[in-house]
Amino acid sequence: MVDCGLCDEALTTYGELEGDQSRWSTLDAVEDVIDAITRDPGSRANRARKFQDPACFAVPVATPEGDWIVLWREVTDPAEFDSLAVGDVFVIYIGPLFG
């Protein structure tokens, strides 16, 4: 299992879900996906959908609020984060599927 960091926007969304008991089912679904990513970031399921700009992977999340998505990327630069190492996961978006 690797460590996981969240960008400020994703952290805000996570906090909003955590702070509203009526949204805990959505939080559970998001946490299940993030747990799966950190358990095996190299798995086919976690890398099936890839974006080029920004360079990241997308994992869909079925929630009571509709279709959501977690966008994440692997940490590749050891100097980029103080608390994450190369190979760890950085989440850049948690929220409704845009489009």
N, C-alpha and C. Protein backbone atom coordinates (compact mmCIF):
# COMPACT_ATOMS: atom_id res chain seq x y z
N MET A 1 0.85 -1.17 0.00
CA MET A 1 0.00 0.00 0.00
C MET A 1 0.89 1.23 0.00
N VAL A 2 0.51 2.22 -0.80
CA VAL A 2 1.27 3.46 -0.88
C VAL A 2 0.53 4.56 -0.12
N ASP A 3 1.24 5.65 0.15
CA ASP A 3 0.63 6.80 0.80
C ASP A 3 -0.16 7.60 -0.23
N CYS A 4 -1.06 8.44 0.28
CA CYS A 4 -1.93 9.23 -0.58
C CYS A 4 -2.01 10.65 -0.06
N GLY A 5 -1.89 11.59 -0.98
CA GLY A 5 -2.09 13.00 -0.66
C GLY A 5 -3.24 13.54 -1.50
N LEU A 6 -3.87 14.59 -1.04
CA LEU A 6 -4.97 15.22 -1.76
C LEU A 6 -4.64 16.69 -1.99
N CYS A 7 -4.95 17.18 -3.19
CA CYS A 7 -4.79 18.60 -3.45
C CYS A 7 -5.80 19.36 -2.59
N ASP A 8 -5.65 20.67 -2.49
CA ASP A 8 -6.53 21.47 -1.63
C ASP A 8 -8.00 21.32 -2.01
N GLU A 9 -8.31 21.33 -3.30
CA GLU A 9 -9.70 21.21 -3.76
C GLU A 9 -10.28 19.85 -3.37
N ALA A 10 -9.51 18.78 -3.60
CA ALA A 10 -9.99 17.44 -3.24
C ALA A 10 -10.14 17.31 -1.72
N LEU A 11 -9.23 17.92 -0.97
CA LEU A 11 -9.31 17.88 0.48
C LEU A 11 -10.55 18.62 0.99
N THR A 12 -10.88 19.73 0.34
CA THR A 12 -12.09 20.48 0.70
C THR A 12 -13.33 19.64 0.45
N THR A 13 -13.40 19.00 -0.71
CA THR A 13 -14.54 18.14 -1.03
C THR A 13 -14.65 17.01 -0.03
N TYR A 14 -13.53 16.38 0.27
CA TYR A 14 -13.51 15.29 1.24
C TYR A 14 -14.03 15.78 2.60
N GLY A 15 -13.58 16.93 3.02
CA GLY A 15 -14.02 17.50 4.29
C GLY A 15 -15.51 17.81 4.31
N GLU A 16 -16.02 18.31 3.20
CA GLU A 16 -17.46 18.58 3.10
C GLU A 16 -18.27 17.29 3.23
N LEU A 17 -17.81 16.24 2.58
CA LEU A 17 -18.50 14.95 2.68
C LEU A 17 -18.44 14.42 4.11
N GLU A 18 -17.28 14.54 4.71
CA GLU A 18 -17.07 14.03 6.06
C GLU A 18 -17.92 14.79 7.08
N GLY A 19 -18.14 16.07 6.82
CA GLY A 19 -18.86 16.91 7.77
C GLY A 19 -20.37 16.87 7.65
N ASP A 20 -20.90 16.19 6.66
CA ASP A 20 -22.34 16.14 6.43
C ASP A 20 -22.81 14.69 6.46
N GLN A 21 -23.41 14.31 7.57
CA GLN A 21 -23.80 12.91 7.76
C GLN A 21 -24.70 12.40 6.64
N SER A 22 -25.48 13.26 6.03
CA SER A 22 -26.36 12.81 4.95
C SER A 22 -25.59 12.43 3.68
N ARG A 23 -24.29 12.75 3.65
CA ARG A 23 -23.46 12.44 2.48
C ARG A 23 -22.43 11.35 2.75
N TRP A 24 -22.55 10.67 3.89
CA TRP A 24 -21.57 9.66 4.25
C TRP A 24 -21.56 8.48 3.28
N SER A 25 -22.67 8.18 2.64
CA SER A 25 -22.66 7.09 1.65
C SER A 25 -21.78 7.46 0.46
N THR A 26 -21.82 8.72 0.08
CA THR A 26 -20.94 9.20 -0.99
C THR A 26 -19.49 9.14 -0.52
N LEU A 27 -19.24 9.57 0.71
CA LEU A 27 -17.89 9.49 1.28
C LEU A 27 -17.39 8.06 1.29
N ASP A 28 -18.23 7.11 1.69
CA ASP A 28 -17.83 5.70 1.70
C ASP A 28 -17.43 5.23 0.31
N ALA A 29 -18.20 5.61 -0.70
CA ALA A 29 -17.89 5.20 -2.08
C ALA A 29 -16.56 5.79 -2.54
N VAL A 30 -16.33 7.06 -2.22
CA VAL A 30 -15.06 7.72 -2.57
C VAL A 30 -13.90 7.05 -1.84
N GLU A 31 -14.08 6.79 -0.55
CA GLU A 31 -13.01 6.14 0.22
C GLU A 31 -12.69 4.75 -0.32
N ASP A 32 -13.70 4.02 -0.75
CA ASP A 32 -13.47 2.68 -1.32
C ASP A 32 -12.57 2.78 -2.55
N VAL A 33 -12.82 3.77 -3.39
CA VAL A 33 -12.01 3.94 -4.60
C VAL A 33 -10.59 4.36 -4.24
N ILE A 34 -10.45 5.33 -3.34
CA ILE A 34 -9.11 5.77 -2.94
C ILE A 34 -8.34 4.62 -2.29
N ASP A 35 -9.02 3.83 -1.47
CA ASP A 35 -8.36 2.66 -0.87
C ASP A 35 -7.88 1.68 -1.93
N ALA A 36 -8.71 1.45 -2.95
CA ALA A 36 -8.32 0.54 -4.03
C ALA A 36 -7.11 1.07 -4.79
N ILE A 37 -7.09 2.37 -5.02
CA ILE A 37 -5.96 2.99 -5.73
C ILE A 37 -4.68 2.84 -4.92
N THR A 38 -4.75 3.13 -3.62
CA THR A 38 -3.53 3.06 -2.81
C THR A 38 -3.07 1.62 -2.57
N ARG A 39 -4.00 0.67 -2.59
CA ARG A 39 -3.61 -0.75 -2.45
C ARG A 39 -2.84 -1.23 -3.67
N ASP A 40 -3.27 -0.76 -4.86
CA ASP A 40 -2.62 -1.24 -6.09
C ASP A 40 -2.74 -0.19 -7.19
N PRO A 41 -1.90 0.86 -7.11
CA PRO A 41 -2.00 1.92 -8.10
C PRO A 41 -1.67 1.47 -9.53
N GLY A 42 -1.00 0.36 -9.65
CA GLY A 42 -0.64 -0.13 -10.98
C GLY A 42 -1.67 -1.03 -11.62
N SER A 43 -2.77 -1.28 -10.91
CA SER A 43 -3.76 -2.22 -11.45
C SER A 43 -4.46 -1.65 -12.69
N ARG A 44 -4.89 -2.55 -13.51
CA ARG A 44 -5.59 -2.18 -14.74
C ARG A 44 -6.83 -1.33 -14.43
N ALA A 45 -7.59 -1.71 -13.40
CA ALA A 45 -8.81 -0.97 -13.06
C ALA A 45 -8.51 0.47 -12.66
N ASN A 46 -7.39 0.69 -12.00
CA ASN A 46 -7.05 2.04 -11.55
C ASN A 46 -6.36 2.88 -12.61
N ARG A 47 -5.97 2.25 -13.71
CA ARG A 47 -5.29 2.97 -14.79
C ARG A 47 -6.01 2.86 -16.14
N ALA A 48 -7.23 2.36 -16.13
CA ALA A 48 -7.95 2.10 -17.38
C ALA A 48 -8.29 3.39 -18.14
N ARG A 49 -8.52 4.45 -17.41
CA ARG A 49 -8.89 5.73 -18.04
C ARG A 49 -7.76 6.72 -17.77
N LYS A 50 -7.15 7.19 -18.85
CA LYS A 50 -6.00 8.08 -18.71
C LYS A 50 -6.26 9.39 -19.45
N PHE A 51 -5.89 10.48 -18.80
CA PHE A 51 -5.96 11.80 -19.42
C PHE A 51 -4.53 12.28 -19.71
N GLN A 52 -4.41 13.09 -20.73
CA GLN A 52 -3.09 13.63 -21.08
C GLN A 52 -2.85 15.00 -20.47
N ASP A 53 -3.92 15.80 -20.32
CA ASP A 53 -3.75 17.16 -19.81
C ASP A 53 -4.87 17.50 -18.85
N PRO A 54 -4.67 17.40 -17.58
CA PRO A 54 -3.40 17.04 -16.95
C PRO A 54 -3.15 15.54 -17.01
N ALA A 55 -1.91 15.16 -16.95
CA ALA A 55 -1.56 13.74 -17.00
C ALA A 55 -2.02 13.08 -15.70
N CYS A 56 -3.05 12.26 -15.82
CA CYS A 56 -3.60 11.61 -14.62
C CYS A 56 -4.48 10.44 -15.05
N PHE A 57 -4.91 9.70 -14.07
CA PHE A 57 -5.82 8.58 -14.28
C PHE A 57 -7.16 8.93 -13.64
N ALA A 58 -8.22 8.37 -14.19
CA ALA A 58 -9.58 8.61 -13.70
C ALA A 58 -10.22 7.29 -13.30
N VAL A 59 -10.80 7.27 -12.12
CA VAL A 59 -11.52 6.10 -11.64
C VAL A 59 -12.95 6.55 -11.33
N PRO A 60 -13.94 5.95 -12.00
CA PRO A 60 -15.33 6.34 -11.75
C PRO A 60 -15.80 5.86 -10.38
N VAL A 61 -16.73 6.61 -9.81
CA VAL A 61 -17.30 6.29 -8.50
C VAL A 61 -18.82 6.40 -8.61
N ALA A 62 -19.51 5.31 -8.38
CA ALA A 62 -20.97 5.35 -8.33
C ALA A 62 -21.37 5.76 -6.92
N THR A 63 -22.07 6.89 -6.80
CA THR A 63 -22.48 7.40 -5.49
C THR A 63 -23.98 7.65 -5.48
N PRO A 64 -24.57 7.81 -4.30
CA PRO A 64 -25.98 8.16 -4.22
C PRO A 64 -26.28 9.53 -4.86
N GLU A 65 -25.24 10.34 -5.03
CA GLU A 65 -25.39 11.66 -5.62
C GLU A 65 -25.20 11.64 -7.13
N GLY A 66 -24.98 10.47 -7.70
CA GLY A 66 -24.75 10.35 -9.13
C GLY A 66 -23.35 9.88 -9.42
N ASP A 67 -22.95 10.01 -10.67
CA ASP A 67 -21.63 9.56 -11.10
C ASP A 67 -20.57 10.58 -10.70
N TRP A 68 -19.60 10.10 -9.94
CA TRP A 68 -18.46 10.90 -9.52
C TRP A 68 -17.21 10.30 -10.13
N ILE A 69 -16.10 11.01 -9.91
CA ILE A 69 -14.82 10.55 -10.44
C ILE A 69 -13.70 10.96 -9.49
N VAL A 70 -12.68 10.12 -9.41
CA VAL A 70 -11.45 10.45 -8.69
C VAL A 70 -10.34 10.54 -9.73
N LEU A 71 -9.72 11.69 -9.82
CA LEU A 71 -8.56 11.87 -10.71
C LEU A 71 -7.31 11.82 -9.84
N TRP A 72 -6.35 11.01 -10.27
CA TRP A 72 -5.14 10.85 -9.48
C TRP A 72 -3.93 10.68 -10.39
N ARG A 73 -2.78 10.90 -9.80
CA ARG A 73 -1.53 10.66 -10.52
C ARG A 73 -0.51 10.10 -9.56
N GLU A 74 0.45 9.45 -10.13
CA GLU A 74 1.54 8.89 -9.34
C GLU A 74 2.59 9.96 -9.12
N VAL A 75 3.15 10.01 -7.94
CA VAL A 75 4.24 10.94 -7.64
C VAL A 75 5.49 10.41 -8.32
N THR A 76 6.13 11.27 -9.12
CA THR A 76 7.33 10.85 -9.86
C THR A 76 8.56 11.67 -9.50
N ASP A 77 8.37 12.80 -8.83
CA ASP A 77 9.48 13.67 -8.47
C ASP A 77 9.64 13.68 -6.95
N PRO A 78 10.76 13.19 -6.44
CA PRO A 78 10.94 13.11 -4.99
C PRO A 78 10.95 14.48 -4.31
N ALA A 79 11.22 15.54 -5.04
CA ALA A 79 11.28 16.88 -4.45
C ALA A 79 9.92 17.59 -4.47
N GLU A 80 8.92 16.97 -5.08
CA GLU A 80 7.63 17.66 -5.26
C GLU A 80 6.84 17.81 -3.96
N PHE A 81 6.90 16.81 -3.10
CA PHE A 81 6.13 16.83 -1.86
C PHE A 81 7.02 16.48 -0.68
N ASP A 82 6.75 17.11 0.45
CA ASP A 82 7.50 16.78 1.66
C ASP A 82 7.05 15.44 2.25
N SER A 83 5.74 15.15 2.12
CA SER A 83 5.20 13.98 2.81
C SER A 83 4.93 12.78 1.90
N LEU A 84 5.19 12.92 0.62
CA LEU A 84 4.96 11.81 -0.31
C LEU A 84 6.26 11.44 -1.01
N ALA A 85 6.38 10.18 -1.36
CA ALA A 85 7.58 9.68 -2.03
C ALA A 85 7.23 9.24 -3.44
N VAL A 86 8.23 9.00 -4.24
CA VAL A 86 8.03 8.48 -5.58
C VAL A 86 7.23 7.18 -5.49
N GLY A 87 6.20 7.07 -6.31
CA GLY A 87 5.34 5.90 -6.30
C GLY A 87 4.07 6.07 -5.48
N ASP A 88 4.04 7.10 -4.62
CA ASP A 88 2.82 7.39 -3.88
C ASP A 88 1.77 7.99 -4.81
N VAL A 89 0.58 8.19 -4.29
CA VAL A 89 -0.57 8.66 -5.07
C VAL A 89 -0.94 10.07 -4.63
N PHE A 90 -1.25 10.92 -5.61
CA PHE A 90 -1.72 12.27 -5.34
C PHE A 90 -3.05 12.47 -6.05
N VAL A 91 -4.11 12.73 -5.28
CA VAL A 91 -5.45 12.92 -5.83
C VAL A 91 -5.62 14.39 -6.20
N ILE A 92 -6.00 14.64 -7.46
CA ILE A 92 -6.15 16.02 -7.92
C ILE A 92 -7.60 16.44 -8.10
N TYR A 93 -8.54 15.51 -7.98
CA TYR A 93 -9.95 15.88 -8.07
C TYR A 93 -10.80 14.76 -7.51
N ILE A 94 -11.79 15.15 -6.71
CA ILE A 94 -12.84 14.27 -6.25
C ILE A 94 -14.13 15.04 -6.47
N GLY A 95 -15.05 14.48 -7.22
CA GLY A 95 -16.30 15.19 -7.40
C GLY A 95 -17.13 14.61 -8.51
N PRO A 96 -18.23 15.31 -8.80
CA PRO A 96 -19.13 14.86 -9.86
C PRO A 96 -18.39 14.72 -11.19
N LEU A 97 -18.81 13.75 -11.95
CA LEU A 97 -18.26 13.54 -13.28
C LEU A 97 -18.60 14.76 -14.12
N PHE A 98 -17.59 15.40 -14.62
CA PHE A 98 -17.81 16.62 -15.41
C PHE A 98 -18.08 16.25 -16.85
N GLY A 99 -18.70 17.14 -17.56
CA GLY A 99 -18.95 16.87 -18.97
C GLY A 99 -20.24 17.30 -19.35
